[in-house]
Amino acid sequence: MTPQENTIDRQPLQDEAFRRLDRLFDDYGGRIASLAADDTLDRVIRAKNAEIEGRDAIIERQMRALADQAKTVAAQKKELAARADVLRARSEKLKALKRSHATLTTTTKRLKQKATALRARLEKKRDLGYYVNKWLGRLKGKSAAA
C-alpha cells in the first residue's frame, strides 16, 4: 500500500464536520438570536410601556385639570343662579312697585280732582253771596208758592 492509498480522503469528512457545525450553530445561533431578539423585544416593549405610561400620566393630569375646571364651572353656575334669583326677586319687587306707583298716581289724580271740587264748593259756601242768593231763592220759592 502506498501512502496515498492508505490515506483517507479528508475533504468529505471535513465537509461533513462543517455541515454538522453549521447545523449546530444554526440551531444554537437561532436560539441565541431569538434570545437576543427577545431581549430586544423586551427592551422595545419596556420603552413602549414607558411611553404609554407617560401618556397615561399626561392624560390623568389633564383629566384632573378638567375635573377641577368642571367643579369651578359648577360653583360659578351656582353663584350665577343665586345672583339671578336675587335679580329676579328685585325685578318682581320693582314691577310690583311700578304697579303700585301707577295705582297711587291714578288715585292721587282722582283725589286731587275731588279736592278741587270740594274746594270750589267750600268757596261757594264761604261766600256771603251764596247764602244771600240761597235765602233769596227760598224767599222767591215761598212767595211763588203762596
N, C-alpha and C. Protein backbone atom coordinates (compact mmCIF):
# COMPACT_ATOMS: atom_id res chain seq x y z
N MET A 1 0.81 -1.16 0.00
CA MET A 1 0.00 0.00 0.00
C MET A 1 0.86 1.23 0.00
N THR A 2 0.44 1.96 -0.83
CA THR A 2 1.17 3.22 -0.95
C THR A 2 0.61 4.21 0.06
N PRO A 3 1.40 5.14 0.38
CA PRO A 3 0.89 6.11 1.37
C PRO A 3 -0.33 6.86 0.86
N GLN A 4 -0.44 6.98 -0.40
CA GLN A 4 -1.61 7.70 -0.89
C GLN A 4 -2.84 6.82 -0.76
N GLU A 5 -2.71 5.56 -0.93
CA GLU A 5 -3.85 4.68 -0.82
C GLU A 5 -4.27 4.54 0.63
N ASN A 6 -3.30 4.59 1.49
CA ASN A 6 -3.56 4.44 2.90
C ASN A 6 -4.27 5.68 3.47
N THR A 7 -4.16 6.76 2.87
CA THR A 7 -4.79 7.99 3.39
C THR A 7 -6.26 8.02 2.99
N ILE A 8 -7.02 8.51 3.87
CA ILE A 8 -8.46 8.65 3.63
C ILE A 8 -8.68 10.06 3.09
N ASP A 9 -9.61 10.11 2.22
CA ASP A 9 -9.94 11.43 1.67
C ASP A 9 -10.58 12.27 2.79
N ARG A 10 -9.87 13.24 3.20
CA ARG A 10 -10.31 14.05 4.33
C ARG A 10 -11.35 15.11 3.94
N GLN A 11 -11.39 15.45 2.76
CA GLN A 11 -12.27 16.54 2.34
C GLN A 11 -13.74 16.22 2.64
N PRO A 12 -14.24 15.05 2.27
CA PRO A 12 -15.65 14.78 2.59
C PRO A 12 -15.90 14.76 4.09
N LEU A 13 -14.94 14.31 4.85
CA LEU A 13 -15.10 14.31 6.31
C LEU A 13 -15.15 15.73 6.85
N GLN A 14 -14.26 16.55 6.32
CA GLN A 14 -14.26 17.95 6.76
C GLN A 14 -15.57 18.63 6.37
N ASP A 15 -16.01 18.34 5.17
CA ASP A 15 -17.27 18.94 4.72
C ASP A 15 -18.43 18.52 5.63
N GLU A 16 -18.43 17.22 5.96
CA GLU A 16 -19.49 16.73 6.85
C GLU A 16 -19.38 17.38 8.22
N ALA A 17 -18.19 17.52 8.74
CA ALA A 17 -17.99 18.16 10.04
C ALA A 17 -18.45 19.62 10.00
N PHE A 18 -18.10 20.29 8.93
CA PHE A 18 -18.52 21.69 8.80
C PHE A 18 -20.05 21.80 8.69
N ARG A 19 -20.62 20.84 7.96
CA ARG A 19 -22.08 20.85 7.83
C ARG A 19 -22.73 20.64 9.19
N ARG A 20 -22.18 19.71 9.95
CA ARG A 20 -22.73 19.47 11.29
C ARG A 20 -22.55 20.69 12.17
N LEU A 21 -21.37 21.30 12.08
CA LEU A 21 -21.13 22.52 12.86
C LEU A 21 -22.08 23.63 12.42
N ASP A 22 -22.26 23.73 11.11
CA ASP A 22 -23.19 24.76 10.61
C ASP A 22 -24.60 24.52 11.15
N ARG A 23 -25.02 23.24 11.12
CA ARG A 23 -26.36 22.94 11.66
C ARG A 23 -26.43 23.25 13.14
N LEU A 24 -25.39 22.87 13.86
CA LEU A 24 -25.35 23.14 15.29
C LEU A 24 -25.40 24.64 15.55
N PHE A 25 -24.59 25.38 14.83
CA PHE A 25 -24.58 26.83 15.03
C PHE A 25 -25.87 27.48 14.54
N ASP A 26 -26.45 26.86 13.49
CA ASP A 26 -27.74 27.40 13.04
C ASP A 26 -28.77 27.25 14.15
N ASP A 27 -28.84 26.05 14.72
CA ASP A 27 -29.79 25.84 15.82
C ASP A 27 -29.43 26.71 17.01
N TYR A 28 -28.17 26.61 17.43
CA TYR A 28 -27.72 27.36 18.59
C TYR A 28 -27.75 28.86 18.31
N GLY A 29 -27.28 29.21 17.13
CA GLY A 29 -27.28 30.63 16.76
C GLY A 29 -28.70 31.18 16.67
N GLY A 30 -29.61 30.33 16.17
CA GLY A 30 -31.01 30.76 16.13
C GLY A 30 -31.55 31.01 17.52
N ARG A 31 -31.16 30.09 18.44
CA ARG A 31 -31.59 30.29 19.83
C ARG A 31 -30.99 31.55 20.41
N ILE A 32 -29.71 31.74 20.16
CA ILE A 32 -29.06 32.96 20.65
C ILE A 32 -29.71 34.19 20.02
N ALA A 33 -29.96 34.10 18.73
CA ALA A 33 -30.59 35.21 18.04
C ALA A 33 -31.98 35.46 18.60
N SER A 34 -32.72 34.37 18.87
CA SER A 34 -34.06 34.55 19.41
C SER A 34 -33.99 35.13 20.81
N LEU A 35 -32.99 34.68 21.59
CA LEU A 35 -32.82 35.28 22.92
C LEU A 35 -32.48 36.75 22.80
N ALA A 36 -31.61 37.05 21.89
CA ALA A 36 -31.25 38.46 21.68
C ALA A 36 -32.47 39.22 21.19
N ALA A 37 -33.21 38.59 20.29
CA ALA A 37 -34.40 39.24 19.77
C ALA A 37 -35.42 39.42 20.89
N ASP A 38 -35.58 38.41 21.75
CA ASP A 38 -36.50 38.53 22.87
C ASP A 38 -36.08 39.68 23.77
N ASP A 39 -34.78 39.76 24.03
CA ASP A 39 -34.27 40.85 24.85
C ASP A 39 -34.54 42.19 24.18
N THR A 40 -34.31 42.23 22.88
CA THR A 40 -34.56 43.46 22.13
C THR A 40 -36.04 43.78 22.17
N LEU A 41 -36.85 42.75 21.98
CA LEU A 41 -38.30 42.97 22.04
C LEU A 41 -38.71 43.45 23.42
N ASP A 42 -38.13 42.83 24.45
CA ASP A 42 -38.44 43.28 25.80
C ASP A 42 -38.07 44.74 26.00
N ARG A 43 -36.90 45.10 25.48
CA ARG A 43 -36.47 46.49 25.58
C ARG A 43 -37.45 47.42 24.86
N VAL A 44 -37.84 47.00 23.66
CA VAL A 44 -38.79 47.80 22.88
C VAL A 44 -40.13 47.88 23.60
N ILE A 45 -40.56 46.71 24.13
CA ILE A 45 -41.84 46.67 24.86
C ILE A 45 -41.77 47.56 26.09
N ARG A 46 -40.64 47.46 26.83
CA ARG A 46 -40.48 48.31 28.01
C ARG A 46 -40.52 49.78 27.63
N ALA A 47 -39.84 50.12 26.54
CA ALA A 47 -39.83 51.52 26.08
C ALA A 47 -41.24 51.98 25.71
N LYS A 48 -41.96 51.12 24.98
CA LYS A 48 -43.34 51.47 24.59
C LYS A 48 -44.23 51.59 25.82
N ASN A 49 -44.06 50.65 26.78
CA ASN A 49 -44.84 50.73 28.01
C ASN A 49 -44.55 52.01 28.77
N ALA A 50 -43.27 52.38 28.82
CA ALA A 50 -42.90 53.63 29.48
C ALA A 50 -43.54 54.82 28.76
N GLU A 51 -43.53 54.78 27.45
CA GLU A 51 -44.15 55.85 26.66
C GLU A 51 -45.66 55.91 26.93
N ILE A 52 -46.29 54.73 26.97
CA ILE A 52 -47.73 54.66 27.24
C ILE A 52 -48.03 55.17 28.65
N GLU A 53 -47.20 54.76 29.62
CA GLU A 53 -47.40 55.23 30.99
C GLU A 53 -47.24 56.74 31.07
N GLY A 54 -46.28 57.27 30.33
CA GLY A 54 -46.11 58.73 30.28
C GLY A 54 -47.35 59.41 29.71
N ARG A 55 -47.87 58.83 28.63
CA ARG A 55 -49.10 59.39 28.04
C ARG A 55 -50.26 59.28 29.01
N ASP A 56 -50.34 58.12 29.70
CA ASP A 56 -51.41 57.94 30.69
C ASP A 56 -51.30 58.98 31.80
N ALA A 57 -50.08 59.26 32.24
CA ALA A 57 -49.88 60.26 33.28
C ALA A 57 -50.32 61.64 32.78
N ILE A 58 -49.97 61.95 31.53
CA ILE A 58 -50.38 63.24 30.96
C ILE A 58 -51.91 63.31 30.88
N ILE A 59 -52.52 62.23 30.40
CA ILE A 59 -53.98 62.19 30.29
C ILE A 59 -54.62 62.31 31.66
N GLU A 60 -54.04 61.63 32.65
CA GLU A 60 -54.58 61.70 34.01
C GLU A 60 -54.50 63.12 34.55
N ARG A 61 -53.35 63.79 34.31
CA ARG A 61 -53.22 65.19 34.75
C ARG A 61 -54.25 66.07 34.06
N GLN A 62 -54.41 65.85 32.76
CA GLN A 62 -55.39 66.65 32.01
C GLN A 62 -56.80 66.38 32.51
N MET A 63 -57.10 65.11 32.81
CA MET A 63 -58.43 64.78 33.32
C MET A 63 -58.66 65.42 34.69
N ARG A 64 -57.62 65.41 35.53
CA ARG A 64 -57.73 66.06 36.84
C ARG A 64 -57.99 67.54 36.67
N ALA A 65 -57.25 68.16 35.73
CA ALA A 65 -57.44 69.59 35.47
C ALA A 65 -58.85 69.85 34.95
N LEU A 66 -59.34 68.99 34.07
CA LEU A 66 -60.71 69.14 33.56
C LEU A 66 -61.75 68.97 34.67
N ALA A 67 -61.51 68.02 35.57
CA ALA A 67 -62.43 67.82 36.69
C ALA A 67 -62.43 69.05 37.59
N ASP A 68 -61.24 69.61 37.85
CA ASP A 68 -61.16 70.83 38.65
C ASP A 68 -61.89 71.97 37.97
N GLN A 69 -61.72 72.08 36.65
CA GLN A 69 -62.42 73.13 35.91
C GLN A 69 -63.92 72.91 35.96
N ALA A 70 -64.34 71.66 35.88
CA ALA A 70 -65.78 71.35 35.96
C ALA A 70 -66.34 71.77 37.31
N LYS A 71 -65.57 71.50 38.39
CA LYS A 71 -66.00 71.92 39.72
C LYS A 71 -66.09 73.44 39.80
N THR A 72 -65.10 74.12 39.24
CA THR A 72 -65.09 75.58 39.24
C THR A 72 -66.29 76.11 38.48
N VAL A 73 -66.55 75.53 37.31
CA VAL A 73 -67.69 75.96 36.49
C VAL A 73 -69.00 75.71 37.24
N ALA A 74 -69.11 74.56 37.91
CA ALA A 74 -70.33 74.25 38.67
C ALA A 74 -70.53 75.27 39.79
N ALA A 75 -69.44 75.63 40.48
CA ALA A 75 -69.54 76.63 41.54
C ALA A 75 -69.95 77.98 40.96
N GLN A 76 -69.37 78.34 39.82
CA GLN A 76 -69.74 79.60 39.18
C GLN A 76 -71.20 79.58 38.73
N LYS A 77 -71.66 78.44 38.23
CA LYS A 77 -73.07 78.32 37.83
C LYS A 77 -73.98 78.51 39.03
N LYS A 78 -73.62 77.90 40.17
CA LYS A 78 -74.42 78.07 41.38
C LYS A 78 -74.47 79.53 41.79
N GLU A 79 -73.30 80.18 41.75
CA GLU A 79 -73.23 81.59 42.13
C GLU A 79 -74.08 82.44 41.18
N LEU A 80 -73.98 82.16 39.88
CA LEU A 80 -74.78 82.90 38.90
C LEU A 80 -76.27 82.64 39.10
N ALA A 81 -76.63 81.40 39.42
CA ALA A 81 -78.04 81.09 39.67
C ALA A 81 -78.55 81.85 40.89
N ALA A 82 -77.73 81.92 41.94
CA ALA A 82 -78.12 82.67 43.13
C ALA A 82 -78.28 84.15 42.80
N ARG A 83 -77.33 84.69 42.05
CA ARG A 83 -77.43 86.10 41.66
C ARG A 83 -78.66 86.34 40.78
N ALA A 84 -78.92 85.41 39.88
CA ALA A 84 -80.10 85.54 39.01
C ALA A 84 -81.38 85.52 39.84
N ASP A 85 -81.42 84.65 40.86
CA ASP A 85 -82.60 84.62 41.74
C ASP A 85 -82.78 85.95 42.46
N VAL A 86 -81.67 86.52 42.94
CA VAL A 86 -81.74 87.82 43.61
C VAL A 86 -82.24 88.88 42.64
N LEU A 87 -81.69 88.87 41.42
CA LEU A 87 -82.12 89.85 40.42
C LEU A 87 -83.58 89.65 40.03
N ARG A 88 -84.03 88.40 39.93
CA ARG A 88 -85.44 88.14 39.62
C ARG A 88 -86.34 88.68 40.73
N ALA A 89 -85.92 88.44 41.97
CA ALA A 89 -86.71 88.93 43.11
C ALA A 89 -86.77 90.46 43.08
N ARG A 90 -85.63 91.09 42.81
CA ARG A 90 -85.62 92.56 42.72
C ARG A 90 -86.50 93.03 41.58
N SER A 91 -86.44 92.32 40.46
CA SER A 91 -87.26 92.68 39.31
C SER A 91 -88.75 92.58 39.65
N GLU A 92 -89.12 91.51 40.33
CA GLU A 92 -90.52 91.34 40.73
C GLU A 92 -90.94 92.46 41.68
N LYS A 93 -90.07 92.80 42.63
CA LYS A 93 -90.37 93.90 43.55
C LYS A 93 -90.54 95.20 42.78
N LEU A 94 -89.65 95.43 41.81
CA LEU A 94 -89.72 96.65 41.01
C LEU A 94 -91.02 96.70 40.21
N LYS A 95 -91.41 95.56 39.62
CA LYS A 95 -92.68 95.52 38.88
C LYS A 95 -93.85 95.82 39.81
N ALA A 96 -93.82 95.21 41.01
CA ALA A 96 -94.89 95.47 41.98
C ALA A 96 -94.92 96.94 42.38
N LEU A 97 -93.73 97.51 42.58
CA LEU A 97 -93.66 98.94 42.93
C LEU A 97 -94.19 99.81 41.80
N LYS A 98 -93.87 99.44 40.56
CA LYS A 98 -94.38 100.21 39.41
C LYS A 98 -95.90 100.13 39.34
N ARG A 99 -96.45 98.93 39.55
CA ARG A 99 -97.92 98.80 39.55
C ARG A 99 -98.52 99.62 40.68
N SER A 100 -97.89 99.54 41.84
CA SER A 100 -98.37 100.31 42.99
C SER A 100 -98.27 101.80 42.70
N HIS A 101 -97.18 102.21 42.08
CA HIS A 101 -97.00 103.62 41.74
C HIS A 101 -98.07 104.09 40.76
N ALA A 102 -98.37 103.25 39.77
CA ALA A 102 -99.41 103.60 38.79
C ALA A 102 -100.76 103.74 39.49
N THR A 103 -101.07 102.80 40.39
CA THR A 103 -102.33 102.87 41.13
C THR A 103 -102.37 104.13 41.99
N LEU A 104 -101.28 104.39 42.67
CA LEU A 104 -101.22 105.59 43.52
C LEU A 104 -101.34 106.86 42.70
N THR A 105 -100.74 106.87 41.52
CA THR A 105 -100.81 108.05 40.66
C THR A 105 -102.26 108.32 40.23
N THR A 106 -102.97 107.28 39.80
CA THR A 106 -104.37 107.48 39.41
C THR A 106 -105.23 107.88 40.60
N THR A 107 -104.96 107.25 41.75
CA THR A 107 -105.71 107.60 42.96
C THR A 107 -105.43 109.05 43.33
N THR A 108 -104.18 109.46 43.22
CA THR A 108 -103.80 110.85 43.53
C THR A 108 -104.52 111.82 42.60
N LYS A 109 -104.58 111.50 41.32
CA LYS A 109 -105.28 112.37 40.37
C LYS A 109 -106.76 112.49 40.74
N ARG A 110 -107.40 111.35 41.03
CA ARG A 110 -108.82 111.39 41.42
C ARG A 110 -109.02 112.21 42.69
N LEU A 111 -108.13 111.99 43.67
CA LEU A 111 -108.25 112.73 44.93
C LEU A 111 -108.03 114.23 44.72
N LYS A 112 -107.09 114.57 43.84
CA LYS A 112 -106.86 115.99 43.55
C LYS A 112 -108.09 116.61 42.89
N GLN A 113 -108.71 115.86 41.97
CA GLN A 113 -109.92 116.36 41.31
C GLN A 113 -111.04 116.55 42.34
N LYS A 114 -111.21 115.57 43.23
CA LYS A 114 -112.23 115.68 44.28
C LYS A 114 -111.92 116.85 45.20
N ALA A 115 -110.63 117.01 45.55
CA ALA A 115 -110.24 118.11 46.43
C ALA A 115 -110.54 119.45 45.77
N THR A 116 -110.26 119.54 44.47
CA THR A 116 -110.55 120.78 43.74
C THR A 116 -112.06 121.05 43.74
N ALA A 117 -112.85 120.02 43.50
CA ALA A 117 -114.31 120.18 43.50
C ALA A 117 -114.80 120.58 44.89
N LEU A 118 -114.26 119.93 45.92
CA LEU A 118 -114.66 120.26 47.29
C LEU A 118 -114.25 121.68 47.67
N ARG A 119 -113.07 122.09 47.23
CA ARG A 119 -112.63 123.47 47.50
C ARG A 119 -113.57 124.47 46.84
N ALA A 120 -113.95 124.13 45.60
CA ALA A 120 -114.86 125.03 44.89
C ALA A 120 -116.19 125.12 45.63
N ARG A 121 -116.72 123.99 46.10
CA ARG A 121 -117.98 124.01 46.85
C ARG A 121 -117.83 124.77 48.16
N LEU A 122 -116.66 124.55 48.80
CA LEU A 122 -116.41 125.26 50.06
C LEU A 122 -116.32 126.76 49.84
N GLU A 123 -115.66 127.14 48.75
CA GLU A 123 -115.55 128.57 48.43
C GLU A 123 -116.94 129.17 48.22
N LYS A 124 -117.78 128.41 47.54
CA LYS A 124 -119.15 128.90 47.32
C LYS A 124 -119.86 129.08 48.65
N LYS A 125 -119.67 128.11 49.56
CA LYS A 125 -120.36 128.18 50.84
C LYS A 125 -119.78 129.27 51.72
N ARG A 126 -118.54 129.58 51.58
CA ARG A 126 -117.93 130.64 52.37
C ARG A 126 -118.32 132.02 51.84
N ASP A 127 -118.68 132.04 50.61
CA ASP A 127 -119.04 133.33 50.01
C ASP A 127 -120.40 133.77 50.57
N LEU A 128 -120.44 134.95 51.06
CA LEU A 128 -121.66 135.51 51.65
C LEU A 128 -122.77 135.62 50.62
N GLY A 129 -122.34 135.86 49.40
CA GLY A 129 -123.32 135.99 48.32
C GLY A 129 -124.06 134.68 48.10
N TYR A 130 -123.41 133.59 48.36
CA TYR A 130 -124.04 132.28 48.18
C TYR A 130 -125.24 132.17 49.11
N TYR A 131 -125.03 132.54 50.35
CA TYR A 131 -126.11 132.43 51.33
C TYR A 131 -127.23 133.42 51.03
N VAL A 132 -126.80 134.59 50.58
CA VAL A 132 -127.81 135.61 50.23
C VAL A 132 -128.65 135.10 49.07
N ASN A 133 -127.99 134.59 48.06
CA ASN A 133 -128.71 134.07 46.91
C ASN A 133 -129.60 132.90 47.30
N LYS A 134 -129.10 132.05 48.19
CA LYS A 134 -129.87 130.91 48.65
C LYS A 134 -131.11 131.40 49.40
N TRP A 135 -130.90 132.36 50.25
CA TRP A 135 -132.00 132.90 51.05
C TRP A 135 -133.03 133.57 50.15
N LEU A 136 -132.49 134.30 49.17
CA LEU A 136 -133.39 134.96 48.23
C LEU A 136 -134.14 133.92 47.41
N GLY A 137 -133.48 132.86 47.08
CA GLY A 137 -134.13 131.79 46.33
C GLY A 137 -135.25 131.15 47.12
N ARG A 138 -135.08 131.02 48.38
CA ARG A 138 -136.11 130.47 49.23
C ARG A 138 -137.29 131.42 49.33
N LEU A 139 -136.92 132.67 49.43
CA LEU A 139 -137.98 133.67 49.52
C LEU A 139 -138.81 133.68 48.25
N LYS A 140 -138.16 133.57 47.14
CA LYS A 140 -138.87 133.55 45.86
C LYS A 140 -139.73 132.30 45.77
N GLY A 141 -139.21 131.22 46.26
CA GLY A 141 -139.95 129.97 46.21
C GLY A 141 -141.18 130.02 47.10
N LYS A 142 -141.07 130.68 48.25
CA LYS A 142 -142.19 130.77 49.18
C LYS A 142 -143.24 131.72 48.63
N SER A 143 -142.77 132.82 48.05
CA SER A 143 -143.72 133.79 47.51
C SER A 143 -144.42 133.22 46.29
N ALA A 144 -143.78 132.44 45.53
CA ALA A 144 -144.40 131.84 44.36
C ALA A 144 -145.39 130.77 44.79
N ALA A 145 -145.12 130.13 45.89
CA ALA A 145 -145.99 129.07 46.38
C ALA A 145 -147.22 129.69 47.04
N ALA A 146 -147.10 130.88 47.56
CA ALA A 146 -148.21 131.49 48.29
C ALA A 146 -149.11 132.16 47.36
